[in-house]
Amino acid sequence: MSNKTLSILSYITIIGWLIAYFKSRDLDPKSNLVNYHLRQGFGFFIFSFVLNIALTIVTSIVPALFFLNYITLILLILWVFGIINAVNDQEKPIPVIGKLFEDKFSFIG
């Protein structure tokens, strides 16, 4: 697989991320682009998972706050930005939350 394909795959579900992670370990030389998008994708999955759990708890306790579930649409837009950056071979962080993950997850790379 090419570096671009692995970068894109790192955003497509956790299964896609796992495939990209294990395939990237076989690359010689290592690709900074793939490692960057693996970090961004993994951070995005963790952030989305935690945020969705928090929103579920809040809206189940206070049903009047159901409109907070529209935050997941913002997550969808951020996810698309990550994929667009991978398609364009750019090492740009996902807007708003991407800077949090740039120097995290040392097991990647």
PDB file of N, CA and C in Angstrom:
ATOM      1  N   MET A   1       0.839  -1.181   0.000  1.00  0.00           N
ATOM      2  CA  MET A   1       0.000   0.000   0.000  1.00  0.00           C
ATOM      3  C   MET A   1       0.882   1.242   0.000  1.00  0.00           C
ATOM      4  N   SER A   2       0.378   2.280  -0.621  1.00  0.00           N
ATOM      5  CA  SER A   2       1.139   3.533  -0.673  1.00  0.00           C
ATOM      6  C   SER A   2       0.974   4.305   0.638  1.00  0.00           C
ATOM      7  N   ASN A   3       1.843   5.270   0.825  1.00  0.00           N
ATOM      8  CA  ASN A   3       1.761   6.101   2.030  1.00  0.00           C
ATOM      9  C   ASN A   3       0.445   6.862   2.084  1.00  0.00           C
ATOM     10  N   LYS A   4      -0.026   7.334   0.927  1.00  0.00           N
ATOM     11  CA  LYS A   4      -1.283   8.072   0.892  1.00  0.00           C
ATOM     12  C   LYS A   4      -2.440   7.169   1.304  1.00  0.00           C
ATOM     13  N   THR A   5      -2.454   5.944   0.803  1.00  0.00           N
ATOM     14  CA  THR A   5      -3.526   5.001   1.144  1.00  0.00           C
ATOM     15  C   THR A   5      -3.527   4.700   2.631  1.00  0.00           C
ATOM     16  N   LEU A   6      -2.357   4.477   3.197  1.00  0.00           N
ATOM     17  CA  LEU A   6      -2.268   4.205   4.637  1.00  0.00           C
ATOM     18  C   LEU A   6      -2.699   5.415   5.456  1.00  0.00           C
ATOM     19  N   SER A   7      -2.356   6.621   4.978  1.00  0.00           N
ATOM     20  CA  SER A   7      -2.762   7.838   5.690  1.00  0.00           C
ATOM     21  C   SER A   7      -4.275   7.979   5.703  1.00  0.00           C
ATOM     22  N   ILE A   8      -4.898   7.728   4.571  1.00  0.00           N
ATOM     23  CA  ILE A   8      -6.363   7.822   4.494  1.00  0.00           C
ATOM     24  C   ILE A   8      -7.006   6.736   5.347  1.00  0.00           C
ATOM     25  N   LEU A   9      -6.458   5.537   5.264  1.00  0.00           N
ATOM     26  CA  LEU A   9      -7.007   4.403   5.998  1.00  0.00           C
ATOM     27  C   LEU A   9      -6.952   4.613   7.509  1.00  0.00           C
ATOM     28  N   SER A  10      -6.032   5.436   7.975  1.00  0.00           N
ATOM     29  CA  SER A  10      -5.907   5.667   9.412  1.00  0.00           C
ATOM     30  C   SER A  10      -7.098   6.424   9.998  1.00  0.00           C
ATOM     31  N   TYR A  11      -7.950   6.986   9.148  1.00  0.00           N
ATOM     32  CA  TYR A  11      -9.153   7.682   9.621  1.00  0.00           C
ATOM     33  C   TYR A  11     -10.422   6.853   9.444  1.00  0.00           C
ATOM     34  N   ILE A  12     -10.356   5.756   8.701  1.00  0.00           N
ATOM     35  CA  ILE A  12     -11.549   4.998   8.361  1.00  0.00           C
ATOM     36  C   ILE A  12     -11.746   3.863   9.366  1.00  0.00           C
ATOM     37  N   THR A  13     -12.506   4.080  10.358  1.00  0.00           N
ATOM     38  CA  THR A  13     -12.838   3.164  11.460  1.00  0.00           C
ATOM     39  C   THR A  13     -11.589   2.669  12.189  1.00  0.00           C
ATOM     40  N   ILE A  14     -11.791   2.059  13.307  1.00  0.00           N
ATOM     41  CA  ILE A  14     -10.670   1.559  14.099  1.00  0.00           C
ATOM     42  C   ILE A  14     -10.028   0.358  13.405  1.00  0.00           C
ATOM     43  N   ILE A  15     -10.795  -0.391  12.644  1.00  0.00           N
ATOM     44  CA  ILE A  15     -10.237  -1.512  11.878  1.00  0.00           C
ATOM     45  C   ILE A  15      -9.279  -0.977  10.818  1.00  0.00           C
ATOM     46  N   GLY A  16      -9.679   0.065  10.116  1.00  0.00           N
ATOM     47  CA  GLY A  16      -8.804   0.690   9.128  1.00  0.00           C
ATOM     48  C   GLY A  16      -7.547   1.232   9.774  1.00  0.00           C
ATOM     49  N   TRP A  17      -7.700   1.811  10.966  1.00  0.00           N
ATOM     50  CA  TRP A  17      -6.534   2.335  11.672  1.00  0.00           C
ATOM     51  C   TRP A  17      -5.574   1.201  12.005  1.00  0.00           C
ATOM     52  N   LEU A  18      -6.102   0.073  12.480  1.00  0.00           N
ATOM     53  CA  LEU A  18      -5.245  -1.070  12.820  1.00  0.00           C
ATOM     54  C   LEU A  18      -4.512  -1.605  11.583  1.00  0.00           C
ATOM     55  N   ILE A  19      -5.205  -1.692  10.463  1.00  0.00           N
ATOM     56  CA  ILE A  19      -4.563  -2.138   9.230  1.00  0.00           C
ATOM     57  C   ILE A  19      -3.439  -1.189   8.846  1.00  0.00           C
ATOM     58  N   ALA A  20      -3.714   0.122   8.885  1.00  0.00           N
ATOM     59  CA  ALA A  20      -2.690   1.117   8.541  1.00  0.00           C
ATOM     60  C   ALA A  20      -1.518   1.054   9.511  1.00  0.00           C
ATOM     61  N   TYR A  21      -1.796   0.834  10.789  1.00  0.00           N
ATOM     62  CA  TYR A  21      -0.732   0.764  11.788  1.00  0.00           C
ATOM     63  C   TYR A  21       0.200  -0.420  11.525  1.00  0.00           C
ATOM     64  N   PHE A  22      -0.371  -1.590  11.320  1.00  0.00           N
ATOM     65  CA  PHE A  22       0.470  -2.773  11.118  1.00  0.00           C
ATOM     66  C   PHE A  22       1.171  -2.752   9.767  1.00  0.00           C
ATOM     67  N   LYS A  23       0.539  -2.207   8.744  1.00  0.00           N
ATOM     68  CA  LYS A  23       1.203  -2.083   7.445  1.00  0.00           C
ATOM     69  C   LYS A  23       2.326  -1.049   7.502  1.00  0.00           C
ATOM     70  N   SER A  24       2.137   0.006   8.279  1.00  0.00           N
ATOM     71  CA  SER A  24       3.169   1.056   8.363  1.00  0.00           C
ATOM     72  C   SER A  24       4.415   0.558   9.080  1.00  0.00           C
ATOM     73  N   ARG A  25       4.268  -0.437   9.925  1.00  0.00           N
ATOM     74  CA  ARG A  25       5.433  -0.999  10.617  1.00  0.00           C
ATOM     75  C   ARG A  25       6.349  -1.737   9.651  1.00  0.00           C
ATOM     76  N   ASP A  26       5.787  -2.188   8.522  1.00  0.00           N
ATOM     77  CA  ASP A  26       6.570  -2.906   7.520  1.00  0.00           C
ATOM     78  C   ASP A  26       7.242  -1.985   6.514  1.00  0.00           C
ATOM     79  N   LEU A  27       6.912  -0.684   6.530  1.00  0.00           N
ATOM     80  CA  LEU A  27       7.482   0.243   5.554  1.00  0.00           C
ATOM     81  C   LEU A  27       8.964   0.462   5.812  1.00  0.00           C
ATOM     82  N   ASP A  28       9.707   0.526   4.728  1.00  0.00           N
ATOM     83  CA  ASP A  28      11.125   0.850   4.844  1.00  0.00           C
ATOM     84  C   ASP A  28      11.476   1.776   3.697  1.00  0.00           C
ATOM     85  N   PRO A  29      11.775   3.016   3.911  1.00  0.00           N
ATOM     86  CA  PRO A  29      11.942   3.716   5.180  1.00  0.00           C
ATOM     87  C   PRO A  29      10.587   4.098   5.788  1.00  0.00           C
ATOM     88  N   LYS A  30      10.610   4.393   7.055  1.00  0.00           N
ATOM     89  CA  LYS A  30       9.388   4.781   7.757  1.00  0.00           C
ATOM     90  C   LYS A  30       8.861   6.097   7.184  1.00  0.00           C
ATOM     91  N   SER A  31       7.558   6.221   7.122  1.00  0.00           N
ATOM     92  CA  SER A  31       6.926   7.415   6.570  1.00  0.00           C
ATOM     93  C   SER A  31       6.430   8.320   7.696  1.00  0.00           C
ATOM     94  N   ASN A  32       6.962   9.538   7.724  1.00  0.00           N
ATOM     95  CA  ASN A  32       6.493  10.507   8.714  1.00  0.00           C
ATOM     96  C   ASN A  32       5.046  10.889   8.463  1.00  0.00           C
ATOM     97  N   LEU A  33       4.646  10.918   7.189  1.00  0.00           N
ATOM     98  CA  LEU A  33       3.271  11.268   6.840  1.00  0.00           C
ATOM     99  C   LEU A  33       2.289  10.247   7.417  1.00  0.00           C
ATOM    100  N   VAL A  34       2.575   8.978   7.240  1.00  0.00           N
ATOM    101  CA  VAL A  34       1.684   7.932   7.749  1.00  0.00           C
ATOM    102  C   VAL A  34       1.643   7.973   9.273  1.00  0.00           C
ATOM    103  N   ASN A  35       2.802   8.108   9.908  1.00  0.00           N
ATOM    104  CA  ASN A  35       2.832   8.179  11.373  1.00  0.00           C
ATOM    105  C   ASN A  35       2.053   9.379  11.892  1.00  0.00           C
ATOM    106  N   TYR A  36       2.160  10.506  11.204  1.00  0.00           N
ATOM    107  CA  TYR A  36       1.434  11.708  11.615  1.00  0.00           C
ATOM    108  C   TYR A  36      -0.075  11.452  11.568  1.00  0.00           C
ATOM    109  N   HIS A  37      -0.556  10.886  10.462  1.00  0.00           N
ATOM    110  CA  HIS A  37      -1.997  10.655  10.339  1.00  0.00           C
ATOM    111  C   HIS A  37      -2.477   9.513  11.237  1.00  0.00           C
ATOM    112  N   LEU A  38      -1.603   8.574  11.544  1.00  0.00           N
ATOM    113  CA  LEU A  38      -1.971   7.553  12.525  1.00  0.00           C
ATOM    114  C   LEU A  38      -2.190   8.189  13.894  1.00  0.00           C
ATOM    115  N   ARG A  39      -1.312   9.123  14.277  1.00  0.00           N
ATOM    116  CA  ARG A  39      -1.488   9.819  15.565  1.00  0.00           C
ATOM    117  C   ARG A  39      -2.777  10.650  15.565  1.00  0.00           C
ATOM    118  N   GLN A  40      -3.003  11.383  14.483  1.00  0.00           N
ATOM    119  CA  GLN A  40      -4.203  12.209  14.391  1.00  0.00           C
ATOM    120  C   GLN A  40      -5.464  11.337  14.422  1.00  0.00           C
ATOM    121  N   GLY A  41      -5.459  10.248  13.667  1.00  0.00           N
ATOM    122  CA  GLY A  41      -6.630   9.366  13.624  1.00  0.00           C
ATOM    123  C   GLY A  41      -6.910   8.711  14.955  1.00  0.00           C
ATOM    124  N   PHE A  42      -5.853   8.229  15.627  1.00  0.00           N
ATOM    125  CA  PHE A  42      -6.024   7.589  16.926  1.00  0.00           C
ATOM    126  C   PHE A  42      -6.537   8.588  17.963  1.00  0.00           C
ATOM    127  N   GLY A  43      -5.964   9.767  17.978  1.00  0.00           N
ATOM    128  CA  GLY A  43      -6.426  10.803  18.896  1.00  0.00           C
ATOM    129  C   GLY A  43      -7.864  11.189  18.633  1.00  0.00           C
ATOM    130  N   PHE A  44      -8.226  11.277  17.359  1.00  0.00           N
ATOM    131  CA  PHE A  44      -9.597  11.623  17.004  1.00  0.00           C
ATOM    132  C   PHE A  44     -10.569  10.546  17.475  1.00  0.00           C
ATOM    133  N   PHE A  45     -10.209   9.265  17.305  1.00  0.00           N
ATOM    134  CA  PHE A  45     -11.083   8.184  17.759  1.00  0.00           C
ATOM    135  C   PHE A  45     -11.278   8.230  19.276  1.00  0.00           C
ATOM    136  N   ILE A  46     -10.209   8.441  20.001  1.00  0.00           N
ATOM    137  CA  ILE A  46     -10.315   8.517  21.463  1.00  0.00           C
ATOM    138  C   ILE A  46     -11.169   9.707  21.872  1.00  0.00           C
ATOM    139  N   PHE A  47     -10.897  10.869  21.280  1.00  0.00           N
ATOM    140  CA  PHE A  47     -11.662  12.082  21.598  1.00  0.00           C
ATOM    141  C   PHE A  47     -13.144  11.875  21.299  1.00  0.00           C
ATOM    142  N   SER A  48     -13.460  11.313  20.130  1.00  0.00           N
ATOM    143  CA  SER A  48     -14.861  11.083  19.741  1.00  0.00           C
ATOM    144  C   SER A  48     -15.550  10.117  20.692  1.00  0.00           C
ATOM    145  N   PHE A  49     -14.846   9.052  21.065  1.00  0.00           N
ATOM    146  CA  PHE A  49     -15.412   8.056  21.960  1.00  0.00           C
ATOM    147  C   PHE A  49     -15.751   8.669  23.320  1.00  0.00           C
ATOM    148  N   VAL A  50     -14.816   9.392  23.894  1.00  0.00           N
ATOM    149  CA  VAL A  50     -15.030  10.013  25.208  1.00  0.00           C
ATOM    150  C   VAL A  50     -16.136  11.064  25.141  1.00  0.00           C
ATOM    151  N   LEU A  51     -16.126  11.884  24.091  1.00  0.00           N
ATOM    152  CA  LEU A  51     -17.150  12.916  23.952  1.00  0.00           C
ATOM    153  C   LEU A  51     -18.537  12.311  23.787  1.00  0.00           C
ATOM    154  N   ASN A  52     -18.650  11.248  23.011  1.00  0.00           N
ATOM    155  CA  ASN A  52     -19.954  10.602  22.833  1.00  0.00           C
ATOM    156  C   ASN A  52     -20.472   9.980  24.122  1.00  0.00           C
ATOM    157  N   ILE A  53     -19.591   9.393  24.903  1.00  0.00           N
ATOM    158  CA  ILE A  53     -20.019   8.856  26.203  1.00  0.00           C
ATOM    159  C   ILE A  53     -20.494   9.984  27.115  1.00  0.00           C
ATOM    160  N   ALA A  54     -19.736  11.075  27.158  1.00  0.00           N
ATOM    161  CA  ALA A  54     -20.124  12.218  28.001  1.00  0.00           C
ATOM    162  C   ALA A  54     -21.466  12.802  27.550  1.00  0.00           C
ATOM    163  N   LEU A  55     -21.652  12.946  26.246  1.00  0.00           N
ATOM    164  CA  LEU A  55     -22.922  13.485  25.749  1.00  0.00           C
ATOM    165  C   LEU A  55     -24.087  12.552  26.048  1.00  0.00           C
ATOM    166  N   THR A  56     -23.861  11.265  25.962  1.00  0.00           N
ATOM    167  CA  THR A  56     -24.915  10.299  26.266  1.00  0.00           C
ATOM    168  C   THR A  56     -25.319  10.386  27.733  1.00  0.00           C
ATOM    169  N   ILE A  57     -24.340  10.495  28.606  1.00  0.00           N
ATOM    170  CA  ILE A  57     -24.633  10.603  30.039  1.00  0.00           C
ATOM    171  C   ILE A  57     -25.391  11.889  30.336  1.00  0.00           C
ATOM    172  N   VAL A  58     -24.910  13.001  29.791  1.00  0.00           N
ATOM    173  CA  VAL A  58     -25.555  14.299  30.063  1.00  0.00           C
ATOM    174  C   VAL A  58     -26.983  14.322  29.536  1.00  0.00           C
ATOM    175  N   THR A  59     -27.180  13.858  28.300  1.00  0.00           N
ATOM    176  CA  THR A  59     -28.534  13.911  27.736  1.00  0.00           C
ATOM    177  C   THR A  59     -29.483  12.890  28.359  1.00  0.00           C
ATOM    178  N   SER A  60     -28.946  11.830  28.952  1.00  0.00           N
ATOM    179  CA  SER A  60     -29.843  10.896  29.642  1.00  0.00           C
ATOM    180  C   SER A  60     -30.249  11.434  31.014  1.00  0.00           C
ATOM    181  N   ILE A  61     -29.382  12.222  31.636  1.00  0.00           N
ATOM    182  CA  ILE A  61     -29.715  12.825  32.933  1.00  0.00           C
ATOM    183  C   ILE A  61     -30.637  14.022  32.739  1.00  0.00           C
ATOM    184  N   VAL A  62     -30.315  14.858  31.743  1.00  0.00           N
ATOM    185  CA  VAL A  62     -31.109  16.065  31.479  1.00  0.00           C
ATOM    186  C   VAL A  62     -31.571  16.016  30.018  1.00  0.00           C
ATOM    187  N   PRO A  63     -32.708  15.411  29.756  1.00  0.00           N
ATOM    188  CA  PRO A  63     -33.179  15.259  28.375  1.00  0.00           C
ATOM    189  C   PRO A  63     -33.387  16.590  27.638  1.00  0.00           C
ATOM    190  N   ALA A  64     -33.582  17.671  28.358  1.00  0.00           N
ATOM    191  CA  ALA A  64     -33.778  18.972  27.715  1.00  0.00           C
ATOM    192  C   ALA A  64     -32.524  19.437  26.976  1.00  0.00           C
ATOM    193  N   LEU A  65     -31.394  18.820  27.263  1.00  0.00           N
ATOM    194  CA  LEU A  65     -30.142  19.186  26.598  1.00  0.00           C
ATOM    195  C   LEU A  65     -29.867  18.310  25.372  1.00  0.00           C
ATOM    196  N   PHE A  66     -30.918  17.774  24.759  1.00  0.00           N
ATOM    197  CA  PHE A  66     -30.755  16.889  23.601  1.00  0.00           C
ATOM    198  C   PHE A  66     -30.006  17.557  22.452  1.00  0.00           C
ATOM    199  N   PHE A  67     -30.109  18.883  22.357  1.00  0.00           N
ATOM    200  CA  PHE A  67     -29.467  19.612  21.263  1.00  0.00           C
ATOM    201  C   PHE A  67     -27.939  19.486  21.300  1.00  0.00           C
ATOM    202  N   LEU A  68     -27.383  19.080  22.442  1.00  0.00           N
ATOM    203  CA  LEU A  68     -25.933  18.884  22.524  1.00  0.00           C
ATOM    204  C   LEU A  68     -25.461  17.738  21.627  1.00  0.00           C
ATOM    205  N   ASN A  69     -26.385  16.862  21.254  1.00  0.00           N
ATOM    206  CA  ASN A  69     -26.016  15.758  20.371  1.00  0.00           C
ATOM    207  C   ASN A  69     -25.607  16.248  18.983  1.00  0.00           C
ATOM    208  N   TYR A  70     -25.933  17.492  18.644  1.00  0.00           N
ATOM    209  CA  TYR A  70     -25.513  18.039  17.353  1.00  0.00           C
ATOM    210  C   TYR A  70     -24.015  18.283  17.301  1.00  0.00           C
ATOM    211  N   ILE A  71     -23.350  18.190  18.428  1.00  0.00           N
ATOM    212  CA  ILE A  71     -21.889  18.304  18.449  1.00  0.00           C
ATOM    213  C   ILE A  71     -21.268  17.181  17.624  1.00  0.00           C
ATOM    214  N   THR A  72     -21.951  16.056  17.525  1.00  0.00           N
ATOM    215  CA  THR A  72     -21.412  14.952  16.728  1.00  0.00           C
ATOM    216  C   THR A  72     -21.326  15.321  15.252  1.00  0.00           C
ATOM    217  N   LEU A  73     -22.155  16.241  14.790  1.00  0.00           N
ATOM    218  CA  LEU A  73     -22.031  16.720  13.409  1.00  0.00           C
ATOM    219  C   LEU A  73     -20.733  17.484  13.215  1.00  0.00           C
ATOM    220  N   ILE A  74     -20.325  18.198  14.238  1.00  0.00           N
ATOM    221  CA  ILE A  74     -19.047  18.904  14.182  1.00  0.00           C
ATOM    222  C   ILE A  74     -17.904  17.889  14.101  1.00  0.00           C
ATOM    223  N   LEU A  75     -18.029  16.788  14.841  1.00  0.00           N
ATOM    224  CA  LEU A  75     -17.016  15.732  14.765  1.00  0.00           C
ATOM    225  C   LEU A  75     -16.926  15.154  13.359  1.00  0.00           C
ATOM    226  N   LEU A  76     -18.059  14.997  12.707  1.00  0.00           N
ATOM    227  CA  LEU A  76     -18.072  14.494  11.332  1.00  0.00           C
ATOM    228  C   LEU A  76     -17.305  15.440  10.401  1.00  0.00           C
ATOM    229  N   ILE A  77     -17.515  16.719  10.571  1.00  0.00           N
ATOM    230  CA  ILE A  77     -16.818  17.711   9.747  1.00  0.00           C
ATOM    231  C   ILE A  77     -15.311  17.671  10.014  1.00  0.00           C
ATOM    232  N   LEU A  78     -14.914  17.562  11.277  1.00  0.00           N
ATOM    233  CA  LEU A  78     -13.493  17.479  11.619  1.00  0.00           C
ATOM    234  C   LEU A  78     -12.867  16.215  11.041  1.00  0.00           C
ATOM    235  N   TRP A  79     -13.602  15.113  11.053  1.00  0.00           N
ATOM    236  CA  TRP A  79     -13.138  13.851  10.487  1.00  0.00           C
ATOM    237  C   TRP A  79     -12.871  14.009   8.987  1.00  0.00           C
ATOM    238  N   VAL A  80     -13.772  14.697   8.298  1.00  0.00           N
ATOM    239  CA  VAL A  80     -13.600  14.939   6.864  1.00  0.00           C
ATOM    240  C   VAL A  80     -12.356  15.787   6.613  1.00  0.00           C
ATOM    241  N   PHE A  81     -12.101  16.780   7.451  1.00  0.00           N
ATOM    242  CA  PHE A  81     -10.885  17.587   7.312  1.00  0.00           C
ATOM    243  C   PHE A  81      -9.632  16.720   7.445  1.00  0.00           C
ATOM    244  N   GLY A  82      -9.647  15.782   8.372  1.00  0.00           N
ATOM    245  CA  GLY A  82      -8.510  14.880   8.526  1.00  0.00           C
ATOM    246  C   GLY A  82      -8.276  14.047   7.281  1.00  0.00           C
ATOM    247  N   ILE A  83      -9.347  13.527   6.697  1.00  0.00           N
ATOM    248  CA  ILE A  83      -9.226  12.731   5.481  1.00  0.00           C
ATOM    249  C   ILE A  83      -8.725  13.588   4.320  1.00  0.00           C
ATOM    250  N   ILE A  84      -9.223  14.805   4.213  1.00  0.00           N
ATOM    251  CA  ILE A  84      -8.776  15.708   3.141  1.00  0.00           C
ATOM    252  C   ILE A  84      -7.284  15.987   3.273  1.00  0.00           C
ATOM    253  N   ASN A  85      -6.808  16.208   4.488  1.00  0.00           N
ATOM    254  CA  ASN A  85      -5.369  16.430   4.693  1.00  0.00           C
ATOM    255  C   ASN A  85      -4.561  15.202   4.289  1.00  0.00           C
ATOM    256  N   ALA A  86      -5.072  14.020   4.571  1.00  0.00           N
ATOM    257  CA  ALA A  86      -4.374  12.791   4.186  1.00  0.00           C
ATOM    258  C   ALA A  86      -4.361  12.622   2.666  1.00  0.00           C
ATOM    259  N   VAL A  87      -5.461  12.935   2.003  1.00  0.00           N
ATOM    260  CA  VAL A  87      -5.536  12.830   0.542  1.00  0.00           C
ATOM    261  C   VAL A  87      -4.543  13.780  -0.120  1.00  0.00           C
ATOM    262  N   ASN A  88      -4.385  14.958   0.461  1.00  0.00           N
ATOM    263  CA  ASN A  88      -3.487  15.969  -0.107  1.00  0.00           C
ATOM    264  C   ASN A  88      -2.041  15.813   0.359  1.00  0.00           C
ATOM    265  N   ASP A  89      -1.717  14.733   1.062  1.00  0.00           N
ATOM    266  CA  ASP A  89      -0.356  14.482   1.567  1.00  0.00           C
ATOM    267  C   ASP A  89       0.162  15.626   2.439  1.00  0.00           C
ATOM    268  N   GLN A  90      -0.702  16.195   3.255  1.00  0.00           N
ATOM    269  CA  GLN A  90      -0.325  17.301   4.130  1.00  0.00           C
ATOM    270  C   GLN A  90      -0.269  16.832   5.572  1.00  0.00           C
ATOM    271  N   GLU A  91       0.720  17.324   6.290  1.00  0.00           N
ATOM    272  CA  GLU A  91       0.810  17.046   7.725  1.00  0.00           C
ATOM    273  C   GLU A  91       0.206  18.211   8.495  1.00  0.00           C
ATOM    274  N   LYS A  92      -1.078  18.441   8.281  1.00  0.00           N
ATOM    275  CA  LYS A  92      -1.800  19.488   8.986  1.00  0.00           C
ATOM    276  C   LYS A  92      -2.682  18.842  10.038  1.00  0.00           C
ATOM    277  N   PRO A  93      -2.753  19.451  11.213  1.00  0.00           N
ATOM    278  CA  PRO A  93      -3.603  18.860  12.258  1.00  0.00           C
ATOM    279  C   PRO A  93      -5.085  19.046  11.946  1.00  0.00           C
ATOM    280  N   ILE A  94      -5.893  18.174  12.511  1.00  0.00           N
ATOM    281  CA  ILE A  94      -7.345  18.330  12.426  1.00  0.00           C
ATOM    282  C   ILE A  94      -7.689  19.639  13.131  1.00  0.00           C
ATOM    283  N   PRO A  95      -8.524  20.495  12.524  1.00  0.00           N
ATOM    284  CA  PRO A  95      -8.848  21.776  13.165  1.00  0.00           C
ATOM    285  C   PRO A  95      -9.385  21.586  14.590  1.00  0.00           C
ATOM    286  N   VAL A  96      -9.080  22.507  15.435  1.00  0.00           N
ATOM    287  CA  VAL A  96      -9.537  22.620  16.821  1.00  0.00           C
ATOM    288  C   VAL A  96      -8.861  21.601  17.756  1.00  0.00           C
ATOM    289  N   ILE A  97      -8.878  20.318  17.430  1.00  0.00           N
ATOM    290  CA  ILE A  97      -8.384  19.303  18.363  1.00  0.00           C
ATOM    291  C   ILE A  97      -7.087  18.637  17.936  1.00  0.00           C
ATOM    292  N   GLY A  98      -6.665  18.828  16.712  1.00  0.00           N
ATOM    293  CA  GLY A  98      -5.513  18.110  16.175  1.00  0.00           C
ATOM    294  C   GLY A  98      -4.191  18.410  16.857  1.00  0.00           C
ATOM    295  N   LYS A  99      -4.000  19.636  17.327  1.00  0.00           N
ATOM    296  CA  LYS A  99      -2.743  20.011  17.991  1.00  0.00           C
ATOM    297  C   LYS A  99      -2.511  19.199  19.262  1.00  0.00           C
ATOM    298  N   LEU A 100      -3.578  18.718  19.867  1.00  0.00           N
ATOM    299  CA  LEU A 100      -3.460  17.928  21.094  1.00  0.00           C
ATOM    300  C   LEU A 100      -2.738  16.605  20.857  1.00  0.00           C
ATOM    301  N   PHE A 101      -2.794  16.088  19.630  1.00  0.00           N
ATOM    302  CA  PHE A 101      -2.307  14.740  19.355  1.00  0.00           C
ATOM    303  C   PHE A 101      -0.980  14.706  18.616  1.00  0.00           C
ATOM    304  N   GLU A 102      -0.420  15.853  18.252  1.00  0.00           N
ATOM    305  CA  GLU A 102       0.792  15.867  17.440  1.00  0.00           C
ATOM    306  C   GLU A 102       1.997  15.228  18.135  1.00  0.00           C
ATOM    307  N   ASP A 103       2.139  15.424  19.430  1.00  0.00           N
ATOM    308  CA  ASP A 103       3.307  14.886  20.134  1.00  0.00           C
ATOM    309  C   ASP A 103       2.946  13.757  21.106  1.00  0.00           C
ATOM    310  N   LYS A 104       1.752  13.215  20.951  1.00  0.00           N
ATOM    311  CA  LYS A 104       1.291  12.119  21.824  1.00  0.00           C
ATOM    312  C   LYS A 104       1.462  10.781  21.113  1.00  0.00           C
ATOM    313  N   PHE A 105       1.186   9.719  21.819  1.00  0.00           N
ATOM    314  CA  PHE A 105       1.161   8.357  21.292  1.00  0.00           C
ATOM    315  C   PHE A 105       2.525   7.958  20.729  1.00  0.00           C
ATOM    316  N   SER A 106       3.494   7.895  21.595  1.00  0.00           N
ATOM    317  CA  SER A 106       4.865   7.588  21.188  1.00  0.00           C
ATOM    318  C   SER A 106       5.025   6.165  20.632  1.00  0.00           C
ATOM    319  N   PHE A 107       4.058   5.279  20.872  1.00  0.00           N
ATOM    320  CA  PHE A 107       4.160   3.938  20.330  1.00  0.00           C
ATOM    321  C   PHE A 107       3.965   3.923  18.813  1.00  0.00           C
ATOM    322  N   ILE A 108       3.454   5.013  18.252  1.00  0.00           N
ATOM    323  CA  ILE A 108       3.304   5.125  16.806  1.00  0.00           C
ATOM    324  C   ILE A 108       4.577   5.739  16.247  1.00  0.00           C
ATOM    325  N   GLY A 109       5.217   5.014  15.375  1.00  0.00           N
ATOM    326  CA  GLY A 109       6.438   5.551  14.754  1.00  0.00           C
ATOM    327  C   GLY A 109       7.583   4.828  15.230  1.00  0.00           C
TER     328      GLY A 109
END
